[in-house]
């Protein structure tokens, strides 16, 4: 187990009552006078929090620069500054839909879900895909930010994360032709009817083809609807800024609205938003440019894309054009020029005939190809089946091999869902000593510490 870095007070005049905070167990106790401490010991409150919680300093998830193992701190646990935001490590919580909201509003489920991770030191925590329009939800129970009233419930996550000295972002998007479905544990893609709160007659996309026979049939968006979508997207961005989020991520992946505009396998338009790469990328670029203009200069901007449609791996595909790594590289360069700070590289989700080739870190090769092309103009993150600290460190560190370009960040979703203390678990994997929140970590010092090797 990676060592817990204690933050006990060391002062020559502090005594050692049995019930109080003490200096290190290795120190020699100062003789007590009348069984009382000579000075008061304060449990210092976090600054600017609306409730009492101890100040977390150093930031949870931070690695000691002098490790008990004597080894240097691995890249995965080195800090990273992006504009005005500094992350204590390079591990961040990927957005994960919970399908537990009510009319877009978060519930106590979300409070506990995000709170448990915020306490345990991720470099950044990203709130799940949040719809910018009511018909942009994947399910009726999706998170929303199309109303001013949604701001207050989201701000609760922001306030708690900040009280723990953490960083928090939100992913904004629109489900497009994959909207008005039911929660995935009920069915994979079944339509949510009006009786269960769905909107099957108000599903939109670049064209009028459904994802498959089980999904609602979308209508092709008019230019007026595209203009309204852009307006509503930017209104949601402004609400996210008002809520106090540190980071905004634009969701352009997984076959949702903007992702489907990018792919020639889905986008069959013949106007300025279809056909050529430049036209298919137009909507994404317009949103990037407008978002960068209205958010604070010091706020990092992330964008998630699918690097490939995974159609060229399926022999049953008709051989027509599809979204691929070459077009992803072109898009990444355009994003970098327009102020995207981090490209979050995922894959797939656009077409029912996709044939994904999985495995540990299976999407990392796409991220590495993009990073090799964009260089230092943009940070690049990998996500997907990264289950151990060793795998994460190997991916982010890279090697001297031509196709093994180092990356900048690692995102994890399901592994955080399984273990909110994933940062600590990966520190254990790599034998790294990190800071843990006082309330959690203090019990792992002293006799509970990892035995010396």
Foldseek 3Di string as FASTA:
>chain_A
DFAADDDADDDLQFADAPPDTDPDPPDDGDDDDPSDGPDDDDQDAQPPAPDGDGAAPPAALAFDCCWPVRDGDFQQQPWDADQPAIFRGFEEADEDWPLAAAQQADDVVVVVLLLLLLQQGGSEYEHHEEELDCQQALENSTHYQVDLVNLVRVLVSVSSSVSSVHAYEYEYEGQALNHQAHDVVVHDRAHNDVVNPGDLVAHEACDQPHQDPRTRGHHHDDPVRLVVRLVSRLVSLVSRVVSPHQEYEYELAQQGHLVQLQWLVRRPDDDQSDDDNNNSCVSVLVSLLSSCVPHDVRRAYEYEYAQWQQQVVFPPDPPDGTRHLVSVLVSVQSSLVRHHAEYEYHHHNNHPRHDDDDDAQSRLLSQQVSCVSNPPSHAYEYEDNNQALVSQSCQQVFDPDPSRHHGNHYYYYVNCVVPSNRSVRNCVVVNTHTHGRPVPNPVCPDPNDDDDD
